[in-house]
């Protein structure tokens, strides 16, 4: 639904894979680091580090989608989200019309 694309725009560089179909299969934590790096953890998470100053103040997390075709992706996200301080929910604009419109108060 464009989560990775928005994060890439915030970072000012393409660091996460983007696509029309779901591309994020793991929790990806994007953190500040002295250089670029990637650590794959056994618990289904990946830690990505970049020398981007504002990341010293926060960690950005990219998750698999909700309402995903692959149910495991939805479970991964549902398990992680309650641990978050802030959640930015990204959805397709077409969801604001038609039968799903009631979900968004329109």
N, C-alpha and C. Protein backbone atom coordinates (compact mmCIF):
# COMPACT_ATOMS: atom_id res chain seq x y z
N UNK A 1 0.82 -1.21 0.00
CA UNK A 1 0.00 0.00 0.00
C UNK A 1 0.85 1.25 0.00
N UNK A 2 2.18 1.11 -0.12
CA UNK A 2 3.04 2.28 -0.23
C UNK A 2 3.81 2.65 1.02
N UNK A 3 3.79 1.79 2.03
CA UNK A 3 4.50 2.10 3.28
C UNK A 3 5.99 2.28 3.04
N UNK A 4 6.58 1.36 2.32
CA UNK A 4 8.02 1.43 2.05
C UNK A 4 8.37 2.66 1.22
N UNK A 5 7.51 3.01 0.28
CA UNK A 5 7.75 4.19 -0.56
C UNK A 5 7.74 5.47 0.28
N UNK A 6 6.84 5.55 1.23
CA UNK A 6 6.79 6.73 2.10
C UNK A 6 8.04 6.80 2.96
N UNK A 7 8.47 5.67 3.48
CA UNK A 7 9.69 5.65 4.30
C UNK A 7 10.90 6.05 3.45
N UNK A 8 10.99 5.53 2.23
CA UNK A 8 12.09 5.93 1.35
C UNK A 8 12.08 7.44 1.11
N UNK A 9 10.89 8.01 0.93
CA UNK A 9 10.79 9.46 0.72
C UNK A 9 11.25 10.21 1.97
N UNK A 10 10.86 9.75 3.14
CA UNK A 10 11.30 10.39 4.39
C UNK A 10 12.82 10.34 4.54
N UNK A 11 13.40 9.22 4.15
CA UNK A 11 14.85 9.04 4.28
C UNK A 11 15.63 9.76 3.18
N UNK A 12 14.95 10.13 2.11
CA UNK A 12 15.61 10.81 1.01
C UNK A 12 16.45 9.90 0.14
N UNK A 13 16.23 8.61 0.26
CA UNK A 13 16.95 7.64 -0.56
C UNK A 13 16.17 6.33 -0.58
N UNK A 14 16.42 5.54 -1.59
CA UNK A 14 15.71 4.27 -1.73
C UNK A 14 16.46 3.18 -0.96
N UNK A 15 15.97 2.88 0.24
CA UNK A 15 16.61 1.87 1.07
C UNK A 15 15.74 0.63 1.25
N UNK A 16 14.44 0.78 1.04
CA UNK A 16 13.52 -0.34 1.17
C UNK A 16 12.96 -0.71 -0.19
N UNK A 17 12.75 -1.99 -0.40
CA UNK A 17 12.17 -2.46 -1.65
C UNK A 17 10.73 -1.97 -1.75
N UNK A 18 10.35 -1.51 -2.94
CA UNK A 18 8.99 -1.05 -3.19
C UNK A 18 8.38 -1.88 -4.31
N UNK A 19 7.06 -2.01 -4.30
CA UNK A 19 6.40 -2.72 -5.38
C UNK A 19 4.90 -2.61 -5.29
N UNK A 20 4.25 -2.94 -6.38
CA UNK A 20 2.79 -2.93 -6.41
C UNK A 20 2.25 -4.05 -5.54
N UNK A 21 2.91 -5.19 -5.58
CA UNK A 21 2.55 -6.32 -4.73
C UNK A 21 3.31 -6.20 -3.41
N UNK A 22 2.84 -6.85 -2.35
CA UNK A 22 3.54 -6.77 -1.06
C UNK A 22 5.01 -7.21 -1.19
N UNK A 23 5.90 -6.38 -0.64
CA UNK A 23 7.33 -6.68 -0.69
C UNK A 23 7.93 -6.86 0.70
N UNK A 24 7.30 -6.30 1.72
CA UNK A 24 7.85 -6.38 3.08
C UNK A 24 7.32 -7.63 3.76
N UNK A 25 8.23 -8.51 4.16
CA UNK A 25 7.82 -9.78 4.78
C UNK A 25 8.26 -9.88 6.23
N UNK A 26 9.07 -8.92 6.70
CA UNK A 26 9.61 -8.93 8.06
C UNK A 26 9.47 -7.54 8.66
N UNK A 27 9.56 -7.45 9.97
CA UNK A 27 9.67 -6.15 10.63
C UNK A 27 11.04 -5.60 10.28
N UNK A 28 11.09 -4.38 9.76
CA UNK A 28 12.35 -3.75 9.40
C UNK A 28 12.50 -2.47 10.21
N UNK A 29 13.43 -2.47 11.14
CA UNK A 29 13.70 -1.29 11.95
C UNK A 29 14.81 -0.49 11.29
N UNK A 30 14.53 0.77 11.02
CA UNK A 30 15.51 1.65 10.39
C UNK A 30 16.02 2.60 11.47
N UNK A 31 17.31 2.50 11.76
CA UNK A 31 17.92 3.24 12.87
C UNK A 31 19.14 4.03 12.40
N UNK A 32 19.57 4.93 13.25
CA UNK A 32 20.79 5.68 12.98
C UNK A 32 22.00 4.78 13.21
N UNK A 33 22.99 4.94 12.37
CA UNK A 33 24.26 4.24 12.53
C UNK A 33 25.36 5.05 11.89
N UNK A 34 26.59 4.76 12.26
CA UNK A 34 27.73 5.49 11.69
C UNK A 34 27.87 5.22 10.20
N UNK A 35 27.40 4.07 9.77
CA UNK A 35 27.42 3.71 8.36
C UNK A 35 26.18 2.91 8.03
N UNK A 36 26.06 2.53 6.78
CA UNK A 36 24.92 1.70 6.38
C UNK A 36 25.20 0.25 6.76
N UNK A 37 24.19 -0.40 7.31
CA UNK A 37 24.37 -1.79 7.71
C UNK A 37 23.05 -2.52 7.78
N UNK A 38 23.14 -3.83 7.82
CA UNK A 38 21.95 -4.68 7.88
C UNK A 38 22.24 -5.86 8.79
N UNK A 39 21.35 -6.08 9.77
CA UNK A 39 21.45 -7.22 10.67
C UNK A 39 20.12 -7.96 10.64
N UNK A 40 20.15 -9.22 10.28
CA UNK A 40 18.95 -10.05 10.25
C UNK A 40 18.89 -10.83 11.56
N UNK A 41 17.81 -10.64 12.30
CA UNK A 41 17.63 -11.31 13.59
C UNK A 41 16.78 -12.56 13.42
N UNK A 42 16.93 -13.49 14.34
CA UNK A 42 16.19 -14.75 14.28
C UNK A 42 14.70 -14.60 14.55
N UNK A 43 14.29 -13.48 15.16
CA UNK A 43 12.89 -13.31 15.54
C UNK A 43 12.03 -12.68 14.44
N UNK A 44 12.52 -12.68 13.21
CA UNK A 44 11.74 -12.15 12.10
C UNK A 44 11.92 -10.66 11.87
N UNK A 45 12.93 -10.08 12.49
CA UNK A 45 13.18 -8.66 12.32
C UNK A 45 14.50 -8.43 11.60
N UNK A 46 14.57 -7.30 10.94
CA UNK A 46 15.80 -6.85 10.31
C UNK A 46 16.10 -5.45 10.83
N UNK A 47 17.34 -5.21 11.21
CA UNK A 47 17.77 -3.89 11.66
C UNK A 47 18.61 -3.28 10.54
N UNK A 48 18.18 -2.15 10.04
CA UNK A 48 18.91 -1.42 9.00
C UNK A 48 19.44 -0.13 9.62
N UNK A 49 20.70 0.16 9.42
CA UNK A 49 21.27 1.40 9.95
C UNK A 49 21.78 2.28 8.82
N UNK A 50 21.60 3.59 9.03
CA UNK A 50 22.02 4.58 8.04
C UNK A 50 22.50 5.83 8.77
N UNK A 51 23.47 6.52 8.21
CA UNK A 51 23.97 7.75 8.83
C UNK A 51 23.07 8.95 8.48
N UNK A 52 21.81 8.84 8.87
CA UNK A 52 20.83 9.91 8.63
C UNK A 52 20.53 10.53 9.98
N UNK A 53 20.81 11.81 10.12
CA UNK A 53 20.79 12.48 11.43
C UNK A 53 19.48 12.31 12.19
N UNK A 54 18.33 12.52 11.55
CA UNK A 54 17.08 12.47 12.32
C UNK A 54 16.78 11.08 12.87
N UNK A 55 17.45 10.05 12.35
CA UNK A 55 17.26 8.71 12.90
C UNK A 55 17.91 8.55 14.27
N UNK A 56 18.75 9.50 14.66
CA UNK A 56 19.32 9.44 16.01
C UNK A 56 18.25 9.77 17.05
N UNK A 57 17.13 10.32 16.62
CA UNK A 57 16.03 10.69 17.51
C UNK A 57 14.88 9.69 17.49
N UNK A 58 14.88 8.78 16.52
CA UNK A 58 13.76 7.85 16.38
C UNK A 58 14.17 6.63 15.59
N UNK A 59 13.36 5.60 15.70
CA UNK A 59 13.48 4.42 14.86
C UNK A 59 12.23 4.34 14.01
N UNK A 60 12.40 4.18 12.72
CA UNK A 60 11.26 4.01 11.82
C UNK A 60 11.12 2.52 11.56
N UNK A 61 9.90 2.03 11.60
CA UNK A 61 9.66 0.60 11.42
C UNK A 61 8.74 0.39 10.22
N UNK A 62 9.19 -0.45 9.31
CA UNK A 62 8.37 -0.87 8.18
C UNK A 62 7.86 -2.27 8.50
N UNK A 63 6.58 -2.46 8.32
CA UNK A 63 5.97 -3.76 8.63
C UNK A 63 5.28 -4.33 7.41
N UNK A 64 5.06 -5.63 7.41
CA UNK A 64 4.17 -6.18 6.38
C UNK A 64 2.78 -5.54 6.56
N UNK A 65 1.96 -5.65 5.58
CA UNK A 65 0.65 -4.99 5.64
C UNK A 65 -0.36 -5.69 6.52
N UNK A 66 -1.44 -4.96 6.76
CA UNK A 66 -2.61 -5.56 7.40
C UNK A 66 -3.56 -5.93 6.27
N UNK A 67 -4.50 -6.78 6.54
CA UNK A 67 -5.41 -7.27 5.50
C UNK A 67 -4.59 -7.84 4.34
N UNK A 68 -3.52 -8.53 4.70
CA UNK A 68 -2.58 -9.05 3.71
C UNK A 68 -3.06 -10.36 3.10
N UNK A 69 -2.59 -10.62 1.91
CA UNK A 69 -2.90 -11.89 1.25
C UNK A 69 -2.29 -13.04 2.04
N UNK A 70 -1.08 -12.83 2.52
CA UNK A 70 -0.40 -13.84 3.32
C UNK A 70 -0.69 -13.55 4.79
N UNK A 71 -1.48 -14.38 5.42
CA UNK A 71 -1.94 -14.14 6.80
C UNK A 71 -0.80 -14.01 7.79
N UNK A 72 0.30 -14.68 7.55
CA UNK A 72 1.46 -14.58 8.44
C UNK A 72 1.95 -13.13 8.51
N UNK A 73 1.88 -12.41 7.40
CA UNK A 73 2.30 -11.00 7.38
C UNK A 73 1.43 -10.17 8.32
N UNK A 74 0.14 -10.42 8.27
CA UNK A 74 -0.79 -9.68 9.14
C UNK A 74 -0.49 -9.98 10.61
N UNK A 75 -0.19 -11.22 10.92
CA UNK A 75 0.13 -11.61 12.30
C UNK A 75 1.41 -10.93 12.78
N UNK A 76 2.41 -10.88 11.92
CA UNK A 76 3.68 -10.21 12.27
C UNK A 76 3.42 -8.76 12.64
N UNK A 77 2.62 -8.08 11.83
CA UNK A 77 2.32 -6.67 12.07
C UNK A 77 1.48 -6.50 13.33
N UNK A 78 0.45 -7.31 13.49
CA UNK A 78 -0.44 -7.21 14.65
C UNK A 78 0.31 -7.44 15.96
N UNK A 79 1.33 -8.25 15.92
CA UNK A 79 2.13 -8.53 17.12
C UNK A 79 3.05 -7.35 17.45
N UNK A 80 3.55 -6.67 16.44
CA UNK A 80 4.52 -5.60 16.66
C UNK A 80 3.87 -4.25 16.98
N UNK A 81 2.78 -3.93 16.34
CA UNK A 81 2.18 -2.60 16.45
C UNK A 81 1.90 -2.16 17.90
N UNK A 82 1.40 -3.01 18.78
CA UNK A 82 1.14 -2.55 20.15
C UNK A 82 2.38 -2.05 20.89
N UNK A 83 3.56 -2.38 20.41
CA UNK A 83 4.81 -1.92 21.04
C UNK A 83 5.24 -0.55 20.54
N UNK A 84 4.49 0.02 19.61
CA UNK A 84 4.88 1.27 18.96
C UNK A 84 4.36 2.49 19.71
N UNK A 85 5.13 3.57 19.65
CA UNK A 85 4.70 4.84 20.23
C UNK A 85 3.77 5.60 19.30
N UNK A 86 3.98 5.44 18.00
CA UNK A 86 3.17 6.13 16.99
C UNK A 86 3.03 5.20 15.80
N UNK A 87 1.83 5.14 15.24
CA UNK A 87 1.59 4.32 14.06
C UNK A 87 1.02 5.22 12.97
N UNK A 88 1.67 5.20 11.82
CA UNK A 88 1.17 5.89 10.64
C UNK A 88 0.57 4.82 9.74
N UNK A 89 -0.73 4.85 9.59
CA UNK A 89 -1.43 3.83 8.82
C UNK A 89 -1.55 4.30 7.39
N UNK A 90 -0.99 3.54 6.46
CA UNK A 90 -1.01 3.88 5.04
C UNK A 90 -1.98 2.94 4.35
N UNK A 91 -2.88 3.52 3.56
CA UNK A 91 -3.85 2.70 2.85
C UNK A 91 -4.06 3.25 1.45
N UNK A 92 -4.64 2.46 0.62
CA UNK A 92 -4.94 2.84 -0.76
C UNK A 92 -6.10 3.85 -0.76
N UNK A 93 -6.00 4.87 -1.56
CA UNK A 93 -7.04 5.89 -1.64
C UNK A 93 -8.39 5.35 -2.04
N UNK A 94 -8.42 4.27 -2.79
CA UNK A 94 -9.70 3.71 -3.22
C UNK A 94 -10.49 3.15 -2.04
N UNK A 95 -9.82 2.90 -0.91
CA UNK A 95 -10.53 2.42 0.28
C UNK A 95 -11.40 3.50 0.89
N UNK A 96 -11.20 4.73 0.48
CA UNK A 96 -11.99 5.83 1.02
C UNK A 96 -13.34 5.97 0.33
N UNK A 97 -13.59 5.12 -0.64
CA UNK A 97 -14.84 5.15 -1.40
C UNK A 97 -15.46 3.76 -1.39
N UNK A 98 -16.73 3.69 -1.64
CA UNK A 98 -17.39 2.39 -1.76
C UNK A 98 -17.67 1.74 -0.42
N UNK A 99 -17.68 0.41 -0.43
CA UNK A 99 -18.13 -0.34 0.75
C UNK A 99 -17.22 -0.17 1.96
N UNK A 100 -15.97 0.19 1.78
CA UNK A 100 -15.05 0.34 2.91
C UNK A 100 -15.04 1.76 3.47
N UNK A 101 -15.77 2.68 2.86
CA UNK A 101 -15.74 4.08 3.27
C UNK A 101 -16.14 4.26 4.73
N UNK A 102 -17.06 3.46 5.22
CA UNK A 102 -17.50 3.57 6.60
C UNK A 102 -16.39 3.35 7.61
N UNK A 103 -15.37 2.63 7.21
CA UNK A 103 -14.25 2.39 8.11
C UNK A 103 -13.48 3.67 8.43
N UNK A 104 -13.60 4.66 7.55
CA UNK A 104 -12.82 5.88 7.69
C UNK A 104 -13.70 7.09 8.00
N UNK A 105 -14.94 6.86 8.36
CA UNK A 105 -15.82 7.95 8.76
C UNK A 105 -16.27 8.85 7.63
N UNK A 106 -16.24 8.36 6.39
CA UNK A 106 -16.66 9.20 5.27
C UNK A 106 -18.06 8.85 4.85
